[in-house]
Amino acid sequence: MATVVAVIASTHHPFYYRASTATGEDRPPFADEWTSKILAFRETLTRARPDVLVMVGSDHFHQLWLDNMPQFLVGKAPTYDANWYNEEREFGLPRMLLQGQEDLSGHILRAGLDSGFDLAFSNELRIDHSITCPIITLRPEADLPIVPIYTNIFAPPLPQPKRFVQLGEAIREIVESWPSHLRVAIIGTGHLSLELGGPRQFGPHGPDPEFDQRAVEWIANGDLDGCLREVTLDSLHAPGNATHGFMDFMLMMGVAGAGAKADHVDTLDLFHTMEAYFTWYPNGAPTA
């Protein structure tokens, strides 16, 4: 059976690529600290020596729109084009072509359906920065095949937070049941408090630092019960109008498992949001 060698949750700030590659007067003052944190975070994946990446993210209305919005979708294509034109223009993100792992995609889809999740799928999925940015930060070589899984955090009606957790738990079980000798890392990206286009969008930190602090504690300590007691679809409006992306972090808590303490935890307050990075090693930290 396949082995889950790392579970990773992170934010996916699209400005990282441009900030980290800028030089001279164009390089922002926070770039060096940000890059240092990313390099340490990247090493947590490198040490796990994965063969395949299962990537959980959310399409930012690039390919999935209100005419057809799946709640949970599995990509099962041989290759994936990325990024989109507006991401290249606004964030300087590069064009990418990523290899798919069709066998694992098919296994997740079949086992997910059999487990009670009515998963959608796409053989022609094009992916955006919610998945490519974590690849840029964690595996810039982009040399490993991926299985993209998209969740709906944007277009109501949304799934309940507990459903994200349940899907995370199922993904872990399904990947571990895959009849393969390959080593799999499961990587999911969301965000903490976030405001887009509202009065709290830009500041020295996220719009709700108190929520961010609680959220980091929930994730770092695997406190699913505490998180589920406080987080509802309604409550997520208060920390910022785009904070429902936190449910992708909750999904990754489900993957890691209740009570699982993260082996790597790091954060960075970055003008309008808190960046956050977590890694779990289900089988213990790998040796060098």
Protein backbone atom coordinates (compact mmCIF):
# COMPACT_ATOMS: atom_id res chain seq x y z
CA MET A 1 0.00 0.00 0.00
CA ALA A 2 1.05 3.62 -0.48
CA THR A 3 2.65 5.47 2.40
CA VAL A 4 1.66 8.98 3.46
CA VAL A 5 5.06 10.43 4.29
CA ALA A 6 4.01 14.02 4.97
CA VAL A 7 0.87 16.05 5.55
CA ILE A 8 1.35 19.74 4.86
CA ALA A 9 -0.93 22.77 5.22
CA SER A 10 0.01 26.25 4.11
CA THR A 11 -1.23 29.54 2.85
CA HIS A 12 -0.79 30.29 -0.87
CA HIS A 13 0.13 33.94 -1.20
CA PRO A 14 0.48 34.75 -4.92
CA PHE A 15 2.96 37.58 -4.23
CA TYR A 16 5.68 35.24 -2.92
CA TYR A 17 7.15 34.38 -6.31
CA ARG A 18 7.61 38.02 -7.33
CA ALA A 19 8.82 39.11 -3.87
CA SER A 20 11.36 36.31 -3.57
CA THR A 21 12.82 36.83 -7.05
CA ALA A 22 12.93 40.65 -6.97
CA THR A 23 16.29 42.37 -6.64
CA GLY A 24 17.60 45.82 -5.83
CA GLU A 25 15.05 48.54 -5.19
CA ASP A 26 12.26 46.27 -6.38
CA ARG A 27 12.84 43.81 -3.54
CA PRO A 28 10.34 44.43 -0.70
CA PRO A 29 11.70 44.78 2.85
CA PHE A 30 9.97 41.62 4.06
CA ALA A 31 11.30 39.40 1.25
CA ASP A 32 14.40 38.09 3.05
CA GLU A 33 12.52 36.96 6.16
CA TRP A 34 9.74 35.47 4.05
CA THR A 35 12.21 33.56 1.87
CA SER A 36 14.06 32.26 4.92
CA LYS A 37 10.84 30.86 6.36
CA ILE A 38 9.89 29.28 3.05
CA LEU A 39 13.28 27.58 2.69
CA ALA A 40 12.89 26.00 6.14
CA PHE A 41 9.33 24.96 5.26
CA ARG A 42 10.47 23.50 1.93
CA GLU A 43 12.99 21.30 3.69
CA THR A 44 10.17 19.59 5.61
CA LEU A 45 8.83 18.23 2.32
CA THR A 46 12.24 17.45 0.86
CA ARG A 47 13.13 15.34 3.91
CA ALA A 48 10.00 13.23 3.39
CA ARG A 49 11.16 12.16 -0.12
CA PRO A 50 7.71 11.97 -1.73
CA ASP A 51 7.01 10.42 -5.12
CA VAL A 52 3.54 11.94 -5.59
CA LEU A 53 1.78 15.09 -4.34
CA VAL A 54 -1.94 15.18 -3.61
CA MET A 55 -2.75 18.90 -3.78
CA VAL A 56 -5.89 20.35 -2.17
CA GLY A 57 -6.87 23.87 -3.17
CA SER A 58 -9.76 26.02 -4.39
CA ASP A 59 -10.30 27.44 -7.85
CA HIS A 60 -10.58 31.24 -7.72
CA PHE A 61 -13.43 31.39 -10.27
CA HIS A 62 -10.95 30.66 -13.05
CA GLN A 63 -12.37 27.42 -14.39
CA LEU A 64 -15.26 26.72 -12.03
CA TRP A 65 -18.08 29.24 -12.26
CA LEU A 66 -21.69 29.67 -11.17
CA ASP A 67 -22.98 27.76 -14.18
CA ASN A 68 -21.40 24.56 -12.78
CA MET A 69 -19.90 24.67 -9.28
CA PRO A 70 -18.92 21.30 -7.77
CA GLN A 71 -18.43 21.15 -4.03
CA PHE A 72 -15.45 18.78 -4.29
CA LEU A 73 -13.66 17.91 -7.52
CA VAL A 74 -10.81 15.53 -8.36
CA GLY A 75 -8.57 16.21 -11.35
CA LYS A 76 -7.77 13.07 -13.35
CA ALA A 77 -5.87 14.43 -16.32
CA PRO A 78 -2.45 13.27 -17.57
CA THR A 79 -1.16 16.86 -17.43
CA TYR A 80 -2.30 20.19 -15.97
CA ASP A 81 -1.75 23.63 -17.47
CA ALA A 82 -1.19 26.56 -15.09
CA ASN A 83 -1.35 29.47 -14.35
CA TRP A 84 -4.07 31.78 -15.67
CA TYR A 85 -3.40 35.00 -17.57
CA ASN A 86 -4.50 37.34 -14.78
CA GLU A 87 -2.16 35.51 -12.37
CA GLU A 88 0.74 35.98 -14.77
CA ARG A 89 -0.14 39.66 -15.21
CA GLU A 90 -0.89 40.60 -11.60
CA PHE A 91 1.48 38.33 -9.68
CA GLY A 92 4.20 37.51 -12.19
CA LEU A 93 3.51 33.79 -11.86
CA PRO A 94 5.13 31.61 -14.51
CA ARG A 95 3.36 29.34 -16.95
CA MET A 96 3.62 25.74 -15.75
CA LEU A 97 2.85 22.27 -17.06
CA LEU A 98 2.45 19.69 -14.29
CA GLN A 99 2.27 15.93 -14.67
CA GLY A 100 -0.75 14.10 -13.29
CA GLN A 101 -0.89 10.77 -11.46
CA GLU A 102 -3.93 9.25 -13.16
CA ASP A 103 -3.89 5.97 -11.24
CA LEU A 104 -4.11 7.72 -7.88
CA SER A 105 -6.72 10.16 -9.21
CA GLY A 106 -8.88 7.25 -10.30
CA HIS A 107 -8.40 5.47 -6.98
CA ILE A 108 -9.39 8.58 -4.98
CA LEU A 109 -12.44 9.13 -7.16
CA ARG A 110 -13.71 5.54 -6.98
CA ALA A 111 -12.99 5.08 -3.26
CA GLY A 112 -14.37 8.54 -2.48
CA LEU A 113 -17.66 7.74 -4.18
CA ASP A 114 -17.81 4.42 -2.36
CA SER A 115 -17.21 6.25 0.92
CA GLY A 116 -20.23 8.51 0.46
CA PHE A 117 -18.64 11.56 -1.19
CA ASP A 118 -20.29 12.50 -4.50
CA LEU A 119 -17.05 13.75 -6.01
CA ALA A 120 -16.99 15.53 -9.34
CA PHE A 121 -14.06 15.03 -11.69
CA SER A 122 -12.41 16.68 -14.66
CA ASN A 123 -10.19 15.25 -17.37
CA GLU A 124 -9.40 18.77 -18.61
CA LEU A 125 -8.70 20.69 -15.42
CA ARG A 126 -6.50 23.76 -15.56
CA ILE A 127 -5.18 24.84 -12.18
CA ASP A 128 -4.48 28.15 -10.52
CA HIS A 129 -2.33 29.65 -7.81
CA SER A 130 -4.00 27.83 -4.91
CA ILE A 131 -2.07 24.78 -6.09
CA THR A 132 0.83 26.24 -8.06
CA CYS A 133 1.96 28.61 -5.30
CA PRO A 134 2.50 25.76 -2.80
CA ILE A 135 4.42 23.92 -5.52
CA ILE A 136 6.56 27.02 -6.10
CA THR A 137 7.29 27.31 -2.37
CA LEU A 138 7.63 23.62 -1.51
CA ARG A 139 8.83 21.95 -4.72
CA PRO A 140 9.98 24.62 -7.17
CA GLU A 141 11.40 21.96 -9.50
CA ALA A 142 7.76 20.95 -10.14
CA ASP A 143 9.08 17.51 -10.98
CA LEU A 144 6.58 15.31 -9.13
CA PRO A 145 3.21 14.12 -10.47
CA ILE A 146 0.17 15.57 -8.75
CA VAL A 147 -3.46 14.82 -8.01
CA PRO A 148 -5.36 18.13 -7.66
CA ILE A 149 -8.47 18.24 -5.50
CA TYR A 150 -10.58 21.40 -5.56
CA THR A 151 -13.05 22.46 -2.87
CA ASN A 152 -15.77 25.09 -3.00
CA ILE A 153 -15.04 27.87 -0.52
CA PHE A 154 -16.37 30.69 -2.67
CA ALA A 155 -19.87 30.11 -4.02
CA PRO A 156 -22.74 29.55 -1.54
CA PRO A 157 -24.23 27.22 -0.63
CA LEU A 158 -20.96 25.89 0.80
CA PRO A 159 -20.39 22.54 2.48
CA GLN A 160 -20.38 22.65 6.27
CA PRO A 161 -16.96 22.85 8.00
CA LYS A 162 -17.40 19.32 9.38
CA ARG A 163 -17.73 18.03 5.81
CA PHE A 164 -14.29 19.40 4.99
CA VAL A 165 -12.90 17.55 8.01
CA GLN A 166 -14.66 14.36 7.00
CA LEU A 167 -13.27 14.60 3.47
CA GLY A 168 -9.77 15.10 4.88
CA GLU A 169 -10.12 11.98 6.99
CA ALA A 170 -11.37 10.05 3.96
CA ILE A 171 -8.53 11.27 1.72
CA ARG A 172 -5.97 10.01 4.23
CA GLU A 173 -7.61 6.55 4.40
CA ILE A 174 -8.05 6.36 0.63
CA VAL A 175 -4.46 7.29 -0.17
CA GLU A 176 -3.18 4.76 2.35
CA SER A 177 -5.35 2.09 0.70
CA TRP A 178 -3.89 2.74 -2.77
CA PRO A 179 -2.16 -0.44 -3.94
CA SER A 180 1.19 1.14 -4.71
CA HIS A 181 4.67 1.26 -3.24
CA LEU A 182 4.88 5.03 -3.80
CA ARG A 183 5.41 7.68 -1.13
CA VAL A 184 2.68 10.32 -1.06
CA ALA A 185 2.63 13.80 0.45
CA ILE A 186 -0.80 15.37 0.95
CA ILE A 187 -0.63 19.16 0.72
CA GLY A 188 -3.54 21.52 1.27
CA THR A 189 -3.73 25.28 1.12
CA GLY A 190 -6.15 27.79 2.55
CA HIS A 191 -5.76 30.91 4.60
CA LEU A 192 -6.53 32.47 7.94
CA SER A 193 -8.52 35.71 8.34
CA LEU A 194 -8.75 37.48 5.00
CA GLU A 195 -10.60 40.47 3.60
CA LEU A 196 -10.79 41.08 -0.14
CA GLY A 197 -12.02 44.41 -1.41
CA GLY A 198 -13.30 45.47 2.00
CA PRO A 199 -12.20 48.10 4.52
CA ARG A 200 -9.92 45.67 6.37
CA GLN A 201 -8.06 44.40 3.32
CA PHE A 202 -4.73 46.15 3.86
CA GLY A 203 -3.00 46.49 7.21
CA PRO A 204 0.05 45.28 9.11
CA HIS A 205 -1.57 41.86 9.62
CA GLY A 206 -4.74 39.95 8.86
CA PRO A 207 -8.10 41.57 9.58
CA ASP A 208 -8.64 39.49 12.75
CA PRO A 209 -5.42 38.71 14.67
CA GLU A 210 -7.37 37.06 17.51
CA PHE A 211 -8.95 34.58 15.11
CA ASP A 212 -5.56 33.96 13.52
CA GLN A 213 -4.00 33.14 16.87
CA ARG A 214 -6.77 30.69 17.77
CA ALA A 215 -6.63 29.15 14.32
CA VAL A 216 -2.88 28.52 14.50
CA GLU A 217 -3.33 26.89 17.91
CA TRP A 218 -6.14 24.66 16.62
CA ILE A 219 -4.07 23.51 13.65
CA ALA A 220 -0.75 23.12 15.48
CA ASN A 221 -2.36 21.06 18.24
CA GLY A 222 -4.78 19.09 16.08
CA ASP A 223 -7.65 20.49 18.13
CA LEU A 224 -10.48 19.47 15.84
CA ASP A 225 -13.09 19.48 18.60
CA GLY A 226 -12.25 23.02 19.67
CA CYS A 227 -12.17 24.19 16.09
CA LEU A 228 -15.50 22.61 15.18
CA ARG A 229 -17.15 24.05 18.30
CA GLU A 230 -16.31 27.61 17.23
CA VAL A 231 -16.20 27.55 13.45
CA THR A 232 -19.44 27.68 11.47
CA LEU A 233 -20.35 28.99 8.04
CA ASP A 234 -21.86 32.04 9.74
CA SER A 235 -18.98 32.67 12.16
CA LEU A 236 -16.42 32.72 9.34
CA HIS A 237 -17.89 35.97 8.03
CA ALA A 238 -16.67 37.89 11.09
CA PRO A 239 -12.87 37.50 10.65
CA GLY A 240 -13.04 38.79 7.06
CA ASN A 241 -15.20 38.38 3.99
CA ALA A 242 -12.92 35.70 2.45
CA THR A 243 -12.12 33.70 5.59
CA HIS A 244 -14.10 30.66 4.45
CA GLY A 245 -10.83 29.51 2.91
CA PHE A 246 -9.95 28.42 6.44
CA MET A 247 -12.10 25.35 5.81
CA ASP A 248 -9.33 24.00 3.58
CA PHE A 249 -7.08 24.17 6.65
CA MET A 250 -9.75 22.23 8.52
CA LEU A 251 -9.70 19.63 5.76
CA MET A 252 -5.97 19.22 6.32
CA MET A 253 -6.54 18.86 10.06
CA GLY A 254 -8.77 15.94 9.11
CA VAL A 255 -5.97 14.47 7.00
CA ALA A 256 -3.47 14.83 9.86
CA GLY A 257 -5.93 13.39 12.39
CA ALA A 258 -7.52 14.59 15.60
CA GLY A 259 -4.94 15.35 18.27
CA ALA A 260 -2.01 15.21 15.85
CA LYS A 261 0.48 17.92 16.79
CA ALA A 262 2.32 19.47 13.88
CA ASP A 263 6.05 18.76 13.61
CA HIS A 264 6.68 22.14 11.96
CA VAL A 265 4.78 25.36 12.70
CA ASP A 266 5.68 28.81 11.42
CA THR A 267 3.86 32.07 10.73
CA LEU A 268 4.55 35.50 9.28
CA ASP A 269 2.40 38.65 9.53
CA LEU A 270 2.44 40.04 6.04
CA PHE A 271 0.72 43.40 5.50
CA HIS A 272 -2.84 42.08 4.95
CA THR A 273 -2.74 38.48 6.05
CA MET A 274 -0.95 36.03 8.29
CA GLU A 275 1.05 33.43 6.41
CA ALA A 276 1.06 30.03 8.13
CA TYR A 277 2.95 26.80 7.48
CA PHE A 278 2.42 23.38 9.08
CA THR A 279 3.94 19.92 8.50
CA TRP A 280 3.07 16.59 10.08
CA TYR A 281 5.00 13.34 9.68
CA PRO A 282 2.49 10.49 10.23
CA ASN A 283 5.26 7.92 10.62
CA GLY A 284 7.64 10.08 12.62
CA ALA A 285 10.15 12.65 11.43
CA PRO A 286 12.36 11.26 8.66
CA THR A 287 16.05 10.88 9.32
CA ALA A 288 18.51 12.77 7.18
